[in-house]
Structures are given as structure tokens and as C-alpha cells.
Amino acid sequence: MERSWRFAFVAVSVAAVWVTVVLASILAPALISGSQQEEIPLVGLTDWLWGLCATGFVLLAGASRIRQREHWIGATVAVVVIWGAVAVLSIYGPELVTGTDPTRVPLVALLAPIAGVIGTGYVSIFAAMGTVEPVNERNASGVTIDVMRHEAAG
């Protein structure tokens, strides 16, 4: 049963990442520069790399053996919210405008996926760690020490 939660986490999270990448690539403003105002779809050229990084984090988390369903549900919701915010910022975020032949740089659209990858990395680490509970144990000298033990599948 725990496998289905992991697979659902991976499937929904990866889908959220790539739907965002596709939407941002199509709808985000292009880099506009030069006297001819050439448009370069810079977001579409770079977002796939950040999508691959986020997918890697999600797949690594999905490979863990944690059984707690709550971790997978929370992680899935967090990844969907993160990449939903990335999509909104990439599409509607402000542009940097400079020069007399105004060069328009979609700076927010270029930085939002990087922040999304960082957030996805943290969420994936959280999901992969599972529940950590302190356990009192005695060392070789008989002194009681606190040990953090991960509750993972056996």
C-alpha cells in the first residue's frame, strides 16, 4: 500500500513540474532586445533544465522507503503549490526594461524556476526522511544518550 502513495507522489509531482515548464515556455514573456526588437524565447530555452533538476529530486524522494502516507500527501501538495507559484510568476511576473531601444528581460520568469527547484529539493528531502523520533540509548560506558532514529520500512 505504501508504494502506491510513493508512486502517486512521484506522478503528481512530476506532472506539476512539467505542466509548469510547458506553460511557462509557451506563455512567459520573451527576451526582447536590439533595435529590431528581436524576440528570444529565453524561458522556453532554459526551463527544461530546471524541470529536469526538480524531476530528479522528486524521483530520489520516491525511491525512499518511508511508509507514512502523510509525508507523501504533504510533499505532493507542497510541490504542486511551489510549481503553481512558479507558473504564475513566470507568466505574469514583471520584466526588467532597460535602454532606449527597450530591452525587456523576463527576469522573474528566469529566476522563479530556480527557486522552484530549491523548494522541491527541500520538500523531497523532507519526504524521503520520514518520521524522526528521539530514542534514549546507552553507549558502551553506560551513559544515556539521545539518538535520532528514522522510522523507515523494514
N, C-alpha and C. Protein backbone atom coordinates (compact mmCIF):
# COMPACT_ATOMS: atom_id res chain seq x y z
N MET A 1 0.81 -1.20 0.00
CA MET A 1 0.00 0.00 0.00
C MET A 1 0.86 1.26 0.00
N GLU A 2 2.02 1.22 0.72
CA GLU A 2 2.84 2.42 0.77
C GLU A 2 3.45 2.74 -0.58
N ARG A 3 3.63 1.76 -1.41
CA ARG A 3 4.17 2.01 -2.75
C ARG A 3 3.24 2.88 -3.57
N SER A 4 1.94 2.66 -3.44
CA SER A 4 1.01 3.46 -4.22
C SER A 4 1.08 4.94 -3.83
N TRP A 5 1.34 5.23 -2.55
CA TRP A 5 1.48 6.62 -2.13
C TRP A 5 2.74 7.23 -2.73
N ARG A 6 3.81 6.46 -2.73
CA ARG A 6 5.04 6.97 -3.32
C ARG A 6 4.87 7.19 -4.81
N PHE A 7 4.24 6.25 -5.49
CA PHE A 7 4.04 6.39 -6.93
C PHE A 7 3.12 7.56 -7.25
N ALA A 8 2.09 7.73 -6.44
CA ALA A 8 1.18 8.87 -6.64
C ALA A 8 1.94 10.18 -6.41
N PHE A 9 2.78 10.24 -5.38
CA PHE A 9 3.60 11.43 -5.12
C PHE A 9 4.48 11.74 -6.33
N VAL A 10 5.16 10.74 -6.81
CA VAL A 10 6.05 10.94 -7.94
C VAL A 10 5.27 11.38 -9.18
N ALA A 11 4.18 10.71 -9.48
CA ALA A 11 3.42 11.01 -10.70
C ALA A 11 2.82 12.42 -10.66
N VAL A 12 2.17 12.77 -9.58
CA VAL A 12 1.53 14.09 -9.48
C VAL A 12 2.58 15.19 -9.43
N SER A 13 3.65 14.97 -8.70
CA SER A 13 4.69 15.99 -8.57
C SER A 13 5.41 16.23 -9.90
N VAL A 14 5.76 15.15 -10.58
CA VAL A 14 6.43 15.30 -11.88
C VAL A 14 5.49 15.96 -12.88
N ALA A 15 4.22 15.60 -12.85
CA ALA A 15 3.25 16.22 -13.75
C ALA A 15 3.14 17.72 -13.47
N ALA A 16 3.13 18.12 -12.20
CA ALA A 16 3.05 19.55 -11.85
C ALA A 16 4.27 20.30 -12.37
N VAL A 17 5.43 19.70 -12.23
CA VAL A 17 6.65 20.34 -12.71
C VAL A 17 6.60 20.55 -14.22
N TRP A 18 6.25 19.51 -14.95
CA TRP A 18 6.31 19.60 -16.41
C TRP A 18 5.16 20.38 -17.01
N VAL A 19 4.00 20.39 -16.37
CA VAL A 19 2.92 21.28 -16.84
C VAL A 19 3.37 22.73 -16.69
N THR A 20 4.02 23.04 -15.58
CA THR A 20 4.54 24.39 -15.38
C THR A 20 5.60 24.73 -16.42
N VAL A 21 6.51 23.82 -16.69
CA VAL A 21 7.56 24.08 -17.67
C VAL A 21 6.96 24.36 -19.05
N VAL A 22 5.97 23.56 -19.44
CA VAL A 22 5.34 23.76 -20.75
C VAL A 22 4.58 25.08 -20.79
N LEU A 23 3.78 25.36 -19.76
CA LEU A 23 3.02 26.61 -19.73
C LEU A 23 3.94 27.84 -19.73
N ALA A 24 4.97 27.79 -18.92
CA ALA A 24 5.91 28.92 -18.86
C ALA A 24 6.65 29.08 -20.18
N SER A 25 7.02 27.98 -20.80
CA SER A 25 7.73 28.06 -22.08
C SER A 25 6.87 28.69 -23.16
N ILE A 26 5.58 28.43 -23.12
CA ILE A 26 4.67 28.97 -24.14
C ILE A 26 4.20 30.37 -23.80
N LEU A 27 3.86 30.63 -22.53
CA LEU A 27 3.18 31.86 -22.17
C LEU A 27 4.05 32.94 -21.53
N ALA A 28 5.24 32.60 -21.08
CA ALA A 28 6.09 33.60 -20.42
C ALA A 28 6.59 34.60 -21.46
N PRO A 29 6.83 35.84 -21.04
CA PRO A 29 7.33 36.84 -21.98
C PRO A 29 8.73 36.47 -22.48
N ALA A 30 9.00 36.85 -23.72
CA ALA A 30 10.29 36.57 -24.32
C ALA A 30 11.27 37.69 -24.02
N LEU A 31 12.55 37.39 -24.18
CA LEU A 31 13.58 38.41 -24.12
C LEU A 31 13.47 39.22 -25.41
N ILE A 32 13.31 40.53 -25.29
CA ILE A 32 13.19 41.40 -26.46
C ILE A 32 14.37 42.37 -26.42
N SER A 33 15.17 42.35 -27.49
CA SER A 33 16.36 43.20 -27.48
C SER A 33 16.68 43.70 -28.88
N GLY A 34 17.57 44.69 -28.94
CA GLY A 34 18.06 45.22 -30.20
C GLY A 34 17.12 46.25 -30.81
N SER A 35 17.65 46.94 -31.82
CA SER A 35 16.85 47.98 -32.49
C SER A 35 15.70 47.37 -33.29
N GLN A 36 15.83 46.11 -33.67
CA GLN A 36 14.76 45.44 -34.40
C GLN A 36 13.77 44.75 -33.45
N GLN A 37 14.05 44.83 -32.16
CA GLN A 37 13.18 44.23 -31.14
C GLN A 37 12.96 42.73 -31.39
N GLU A 38 14.06 42.02 -31.57
CA GLU A 38 14.00 40.57 -31.78
C GLU A 38 13.53 39.90 -30.49
N GLU A 39 12.71 38.89 -30.66
CA GLU A 39 12.21 38.13 -29.52
C GLU A 39 12.95 36.79 -29.43
N ILE A 40 13.47 36.53 -28.25
CA ILE A 40 14.15 35.26 -27.98
C ILE A 40 13.40 34.58 -26.85
N PRO A 41 12.86 33.38 -27.08
CA PRO A 41 12.11 32.68 -26.02
C PRO A 41 13.05 32.08 -24.97
N LEU A 42 13.66 32.95 -24.20
CA LEU A 42 14.68 32.53 -23.24
C LEU A 42 14.14 31.58 -22.18
N VAL A 43 12.92 31.82 -21.73
CA VAL A 43 12.32 30.95 -20.71
C VAL A 43 12.15 29.53 -21.27
N GLY A 44 11.67 29.45 -22.50
CA GLY A 44 11.50 28.14 -23.14
C GLY A 44 12.81 27.43 -23.37
N LEU A 45 13.88 28.18 -23.53
CA LEU A 45 15.20 27.58 -23.75
C LEU A 45 15.86 27.10 -22.47
N THR A 46 15.45 27.65 -21.33
CA THR A 46 16.12 27.31 -20.07
C THR A 46 15.28 26.49 -19.09
N ASP A 47 13.97 26.61 -19.14
CA ASP A 47 13.12 25.97 -18.11
C ASP A 47 13.21 24.45 -18.11
N TRP A 48 13.48 23.85 -19.24
CA TRP A 48 13.54 22.39 -19.27
C TRP A 48 14.65 21.87 -18.37
N LEU A 49 15.76 22.64 -18.28
CA LEU A 49 16.86 22.22 -17.41
C LEU A 49 16.42 22.20 -15.94
N TRP A 50 15.68 23.22 -15.53
CA TRP A 50 15.20 23.28 -14.14
C TRP A 50 14.13 22.23 -13.90
N GLY A 51 13.34 21.93 -14.93
CA GLY A 51 12.36 20.84 -14.81
C GLY A 51 13.03 19.50 -14.61
N LEU A 52 14.15 19.28 -15.30
CA LEU A 52 14.90 18.03 -15.11
C LEU A 52 15.47 17.93 -13.70
N CYS A 53 15.99 19.03 -13.19
CA CYS A 53 16.53 19.03 -11.82
C CYS A 53 15.44 18.71 -10.80
N ALA A 54 14.30 19.36 -10.93
CA ALA A 54 13.19 19.12 -10.00
C ALA A 54 12.69 17.68 -10.12
N THR A 55 12.62 17.17 -11.34
CA THR A 55 12.20 15.78 -11.54
C THR A 55 13.17 14.82 -10.86
N GLY A 56 14.45 15.11 -10.94
CA GLY A 56 15.44 14.28 -10.26
C GLY A 56 15.24 14.25 -8.75
N PHE A 57 14.95 15.42 -8.15
CA PHE A 57 14.69 15.46 -6.71
C PHE A 57 13.47 14.61 -6.36
N VAL A 58 12.42 14.75 -7.15
CA VAL A 58 11.18 14.01 -6.87
C VAL A 58 11.43 12.50 -7.00
N LEU A 59 12.16 12.10 -8.03
CA LEU A 59 12.44 10.67 -8.22
C LEU A 59 13.31 10.12 -7.10
N LEU A 60 14.26 10.89 -6.63
CA LEU A 60 15.08 10.44 -5.49
C LEU A 60 14.24 10.27 -4.24
N ALA A 61 13.34 11.20 -3.99
CA ALA A 61 12.46 11.07 -2.82
C ALA A 61 11.55 9.86 -2.97
N GLY A 62 11.05 9.63 -4.18
CA GLY A 62 10.17 8.49 -4.42
C GLY A 62 10.87 7.16 -4.22
N ALA A 63 12.20 7.15 -4.31
CA ALA A 63 12.95 5.91 -4.12
C ALA A 63 13.15 5.56 -2.65
N SER A 64 12.79 6.47 -1.73
CA SER A 64 12.96 6.16 -0.30
C SER A 64 11.92 5.13 0.13
N ARG A 65 12.12 4.59 1.31
CA ARG A 65 11.25 3.52 1.79
C ARG A 65 10.36 3.95 2.95
N ILE A 66 10.04 5.21 3.02
CA ILE A 66 9.20 5.72 4.10
C ILE A 66 7.76 5.29 3.87
N ARG A 67 7.09 4.88 4.93
CA ARG A 67 5.72 4.37 4.82
C ARG A 67 4.64 5.37 5.16
N GLN A 68 4.97 6.48 5.80
CA GLN A 68 3.95 7.40 6.26
C GLN A 68 3.24 8.08 5.10
N ARG A 69 1.97 7.84 4.98
CA ARG A 69 1.16 8.42 3.92
C ARG A 69 1.12 9.93 4.02
N GLU A 70 1.13 10.46 5.25
CA GLU A 70 1.05 11.90 5.45
C GLU A 70 2.23 12.63 4.83
N HIS A 71 3.40 12.01 4.87
CA HIS A 71 4.58 12.62 4.26
C HIS A 71 4.39 12.77 2.75
N TRP A 72 3.86 11.73 2.15
CA TRP A 72 3.69 11.77 0.69
C TRP A 72 2.60 12.74 0.29
N ILE A 73 1.51 12.80 1.04
CA ILE A 73 0.44 13.75 0.73
C ILE A 73 0.94 15.18 0.90
N GLY A 74 1.59 15.45 2.01
CA GLY A 74 2.12 16.79 2.26
C GLY A 74 3.15 17.21 1.22
N ALA A 75 4.02 16.29 0.86
CA ALA A 75 5.05 16.60 -0.13
C ALA A 75 4.43 16.86 -1.50
N THR A 76 3.44 16.09 -1.86
CA THR A 76 2.77 16.29 -3.15
C THR A 76 2.10 17.65 -3.20
N VAL A 77 1.38 18.00 -2.15
CA VAL A 77 0.71 19.30 -2.11
C VAL A 77 1.75 20.42 -2.17
N ALA A 78 2.83 20.27 -1.44
CA ALA A 78 3.87 21.30 -1.43
C ALA A 78 4.50 21.49 -2.81
N VAL A 79 4.81 20.40 -3.49
CA VAL A 79 5.41 20.51 -4.83
C VAL A 79 4.43 21.14 -5.81
N VAL A 80 3.16 20.76 -5.74
CA VAL A 80 2.16 21.35 -6.63
C VAL A 80 2.03 22.86 -6.36
N VAL A 81 2.01 23.26 -5.10
CA VAL A 81 1.91 24.69 -4.76
C VAL A 81 3.16 25.44 -5.23
N ILE A 82 4.33 24.86 -5.00
CA ILE A 82 5.58 25.51 -5.42
C ILE A 82 5.57 25.75 -6.93
N TRP A 83 5.25 24.71 -7.69
CA TRP A 83 5.32 24.85 -9.14
C TRP A 83 4.13 25.63 -9.69
N GLY A 84 3.02 25.68 -8.98
CA GLY A 84 1.93 26.58 -9.36
C GLY A 84 2.38 28.03 -9.21
N ALA A 85 3.09 28.32 -8.13
CA ALA A 85 3.62 29.68 -7.94
C ALA A 85 4.67 30.01 -9.00
N VAL A 86 5.49 29.03 -9.35
CA VAL A 86 6.48 29.24 -10.41
C VAL A 86 5.77 29.58 -11.73
N ALA A 87 4.68 28.88 -12.02
CA ALA A 87 3.94 29.15 -13.27
C ALA A 87 3.38 30.56 -13.26
N VAL A 88 2.75 30.95 -12.17
CA VAL A 88 2.15 32.29 -12.09
C VAL A 88 3.22 33.37 -12.20
N LEU A 89 4.32 33.20 -11.47
CA LEU A 89 5.39 34.19 -11.52
C LEU A 89 6.05 34.24 -12.90
N SER A 90 6.23 33.10 -13.52
CA SER A 90 6.86 33.07 -14.84
C SER A 90 6.00 33.74 -15.90
N ILE A 91 4.71 33.56 -15.82
CA ILE A 91 3.81 34.10 -16.84
C ILE A 91 3.46 35.56 -16.58
N TYR A 92 3.18 35.91 -15.32
CA TYR A 92 2.69 37.25 -15.01
C TYR A 92 3.70 38.13 -14.29
N GLY A 93 4.89 37.62 -14.00
CA GLY A 93 5.88 38.40 -13.27
C GLY A 93 6.38 39.59 -14.08
N PRO A 94 6.89 40.61 -13.40
CA PRO A 94 7.36 41.80 -14.10
C PRO A 94 8.64 41.52 -14.90
N GLU A 95 8.87 42.38 -15.87
CA GLU A 95 10.06 42.30 -16.70
C GLU A 95 11.00 43.45 -16.36
N LEU A 96 12.28 43.23 -16.58
CA LEU A 96 13.28 44.28 -16.44
C LEU A 96 13.39 44.97 -17.79
N VAL A 97 13.16 46.30 -17.81
CA VAL A 97 13.20 47.07 -19.05
C VAL A 97 14.34 48.07 -18.97
N THR A 98 15.25 48.04 -19.97
CA THR A 98 16.40 48.94 -19.96
C THR A 98 16.65 49.49 -21.35
N GLY A 99 17.33 50.62 -21.45
CA GLY A 99 17.81 51.18 -22.70
C GLY A 99 16.78 51.98 -23.47
N THR A 100 17.28 52.65 -24.51
CA THR A 100 16.40 53.47 -25.35
C THR A 100 15.63 52.63 -26.35
N ASP A 101 16.24 51.55 -26.84
CA ASP A 101 15.51 50.55 -27.63
C ASP A 101 15.12 49.51 -26.60
N PRO A 102 14.05 49.72 -25.89
CA PRO A 102 13.86 48.98 -24.65
C PRO A 102 14.11 47.47 -24.77
N THR A 103 15.13 47.04 -24.05
CA THR A 103 15.40 45.63 -23.90
C THR A 103 14.55 45.14 -22.73
N ARG A 104 13.78 44.12 -22.99
CA ARG A 104 12.89 43.58 -21.96
C ARG A 104 13.38 42.20 -21.57
N VAL A 105 13.79 42.07 -20.32
CA VAL A 105 14.32 40.81 -19.80
C VAL A 105 13.31 40.22 -18.83
N PRO A 106 12.82 39.00 -19.09
CA PRO A 106 11.86 38.37 -18.17
C PRO A 106 12.59 37.78 -16.96
N LEU A 107 13.13 38.67 -16.14
CA LEU A 107 13.99 38.25 -15.03
C LEU A 107 13.27 37.34 -14.04
N VAL A 108 12.06 37.68 -13.68
CA VAL A 108 11.30 36.86 -12.73
C VAL A 108 11.03 35.47 -13.33
N ALA A 109 10.73 35.44 -14.61
CA ALA A 109 10.46 34.16 -15.28
C ALA A 109 11.71 33.29 -15.36
N LEU A 110 12.87 33.90 -15.33
CA LEU A 110 14.13 33.14 -15.34
C LEU A 110 14.54 32.68 -13.94
N LEU A 111 14.17 33.45 -12.92
CA LEU A 111 14.58 33.11 -11.55
C LEU A 111 13.58 32.22 -10.81
N ALA A 112 12.31 32.30 -11.15
CA ALA A 112 11.28 31.53 -10.45
C ALA A 112 11.51 30.02 -10.52
N PRO A 113 11.89 29.45 -11.67
CA PRO A 113 12.13 28.00 -11.71
C PRO A 113 13.31 27.57 -10.84
N ILE A 114 14.30 28.44 -10.70
CA ILE A 114 15.44 28.10 -9.83
C ILE A 114 14.96 28.01 -8.39
N ALA A 115 14.14 28.96 -7.97
CA ALA A 115 13.56 28.90 -6.62
C ALA A 115 12.67 27.67 -6.48
N GLY A 116 11.95 27.31 -7.54
CA GLY A 116 11.12 26.11 -7.52
C GLY A 116 11.93 24.84 -7.33
N VAL A 117 13.08 24.77 -7.97
CA VAL A 117 13.96 23.61 -7.82
C VAL A 117 14.48 23.51 -6.39
N ILE A 118 14.86 24.65 -5.82
CA ILE A 118 15.36 24.65 -4.44
C ILE A 118 14.25 24.20 -3.49
N GLY A 119 13.04 24.74 -3.66
CA GLY A 119 11.92 24.33 -2.82
C GLY A 119 11.58 22.86 -3.00
N THR A 120 11.61 22.39 -4.23
CA THR A 120 11.34 20.97 -4.49
C THR A 120 12.40 20.09 -3.84
N GLY A 121 13.64 20.55 -3.86
CA GLY A 121 14.71 19.79 -3.20
C GLY A 121 14.46 19.64 -1.71
N TYR A 122 14.06 20.73 -1.05
CA TYR A 122 13.78 20.66 0.39
C TYR A 122 12.58 19.76 0.68
N VAL A 123 11.55 19.90 -0.11
CA VAL A 123 10.36 19.06 0.09
C VAL A 123 10.70 17.59 -0.12
N SER A 124 11.51 17.30 -1.12
CA SER A 124 11.88 15.92 -1.41
C SER A 124 12.73 15.32 -0.28
N ILE A 125 13.61 16.13 0.27
CA ILE A 125 14.41 15.66 1.41
C ILE A 125 13.50 15.36 2.59
N PHE A 126 12.55 16.25 2.86
CA PHE A 126 11.60 16.03 3.95
C PHE A 126 10.82 14.73 3.73
N ALA A 127 10.33 14.53 2.51
CA ALA A 127 9.53 13.33 2.23
C ALA A 127 10.38 12.07 2.35
N ALA A 128 11.62 12.15 1.96
CA ALA A 128 12.48 10.97 1.99
C ALA A 128 12.95 10.61 3.40
N MET A 129 12.95 11.59 4.31
CA MET A 129 13.44 11.32 5.66
C MET A 129 12.45 10.57 6.53
N GLY A 130 11.18 10.80 6.36
CA GLY A 130 10.20 10.15 7.20
C GLY A 130 10.16 10.75 8.59
N THR A 131 9.61 10.01 9.52
CA THR A 131 9.48 10.48 10.89
C THR A 131 10.79 10.23 11.64
N VAL A 132 11.27 11.25 12.30
CA VAL A 132 12.48 11.13 13.10
C VAL A 132 12.07 11.27 14.55
N GLU A 133 12.36 10.26 15.35
CA GLU A 133 11.98 10.28 16.75
C GLU A 133 13.21 10.08 17.63
N PRO A 134 13.33 10.86 18.71
CA PRO A 134 14.46 10.65 19.61
C PRO A 134 14.30 9.35 20.39
N VAL A 135 15.39 8.64 20.54
CA VAL A 135 15.40 7.38 21.27
C VAL A 135 16.55 7.45 22.26
N ASN A 136 16.28 7.11 23.52
CA ASN A 136 17.34 7.08 24.52
C ASN A 136 18.05 5.73 24.46
N GLU A 137 19.36 5.77 24.34
CA GLU A 137 20.17 4.56 24.34
C GLU A 137 21.36 4.77 25.25
N ARG A 138 21.99 3.67 25.63
CA ARG A 138 23.20 3.77 26.45
C ARG A 138 24.40 3.44 25.57
N ASN A 139 25.46 4.25 25.72
CA ASN A 139 26.67 3.94 24.98
C ASN A 139 27.47 2.88 25.71
N ALA A 140 28.65 2.56 25.23
CA ALA A 140 29.47 1.48 25.82
C ALA A 140 29.83 1.76 27.28
N SER A 141 29.89 3.03 27.68
CA SER A 141 30.23 3.38 29.07
C SER A 141 29.02 3.35 29.98
N GLY A 142 27.82 3.11 29.44
CA GLY A 142 26.62 3.09 30.24
C GLY A 142 25.96 4.45 30.38
N VAL A 143 26.45 5.45 29.65
CA VAL A 143 25.88 6.80 29.71
C VAL A 143 24.70 6.86 28.74
N THR A 144 23.58 7.44 29.21
CA THR A 144 22.39 7.58 28.36
C THR A 144 22.62 8.70 27.35
N ILE A 145 22.36 8.40 26.09
CA ILE A 145 22.50 9.40 25.03
C ILE A 145 21.21 9.43 24.22
N ASP A 146 20.95 10.58 23.60
CA ASP A 146 19.80 10.71 22.70
C ASP A 146 20.26 10.39 21.28
N VAL A 147 19.53 9.53 20.65
CA VAL A 147 19.84 9.13 19.28
C VAL A 147 18.60 9.43 18.43
N MET A 148 18.80 9.98 17.24
CA MET A 148 17.70 10.21 16.32
C MET A 148 17.58 8.99 15.42
N ARG A 149 16.44 8.35 15.46
CA ARG A 149 16.24 7.15 14.66
C ARG A 149 15.15 7.42 13.64
N HIS A 150 15.41 7.05 12.40
CA HIS A 150 14.43 7.21 11.33
C HIS A 150 13.50 6.00 11.32
N GLU A 151 12.23 6.29 11.14
CA GLU A 151 11.25 5.23 11.04
C GLU A 151 11.07 4.92 9.56
N ALA A 152 11.73 3.88 9.09
CA ALA A 152 11.67 3.52 7.67
C ALA A 152 11.09 2.13 7.54
N ALA A 153 10.79 1.80 6.31
CA ALA A 153 10.22 0.47 6.05
C ALA A 153 11.24 -0.61 6.33
N GLY A 154 10.78 -1.72 6.80
CA GLY A 154 11.70 -2.81 7.12
C GLY A 154 11.84 -3.81 6.04
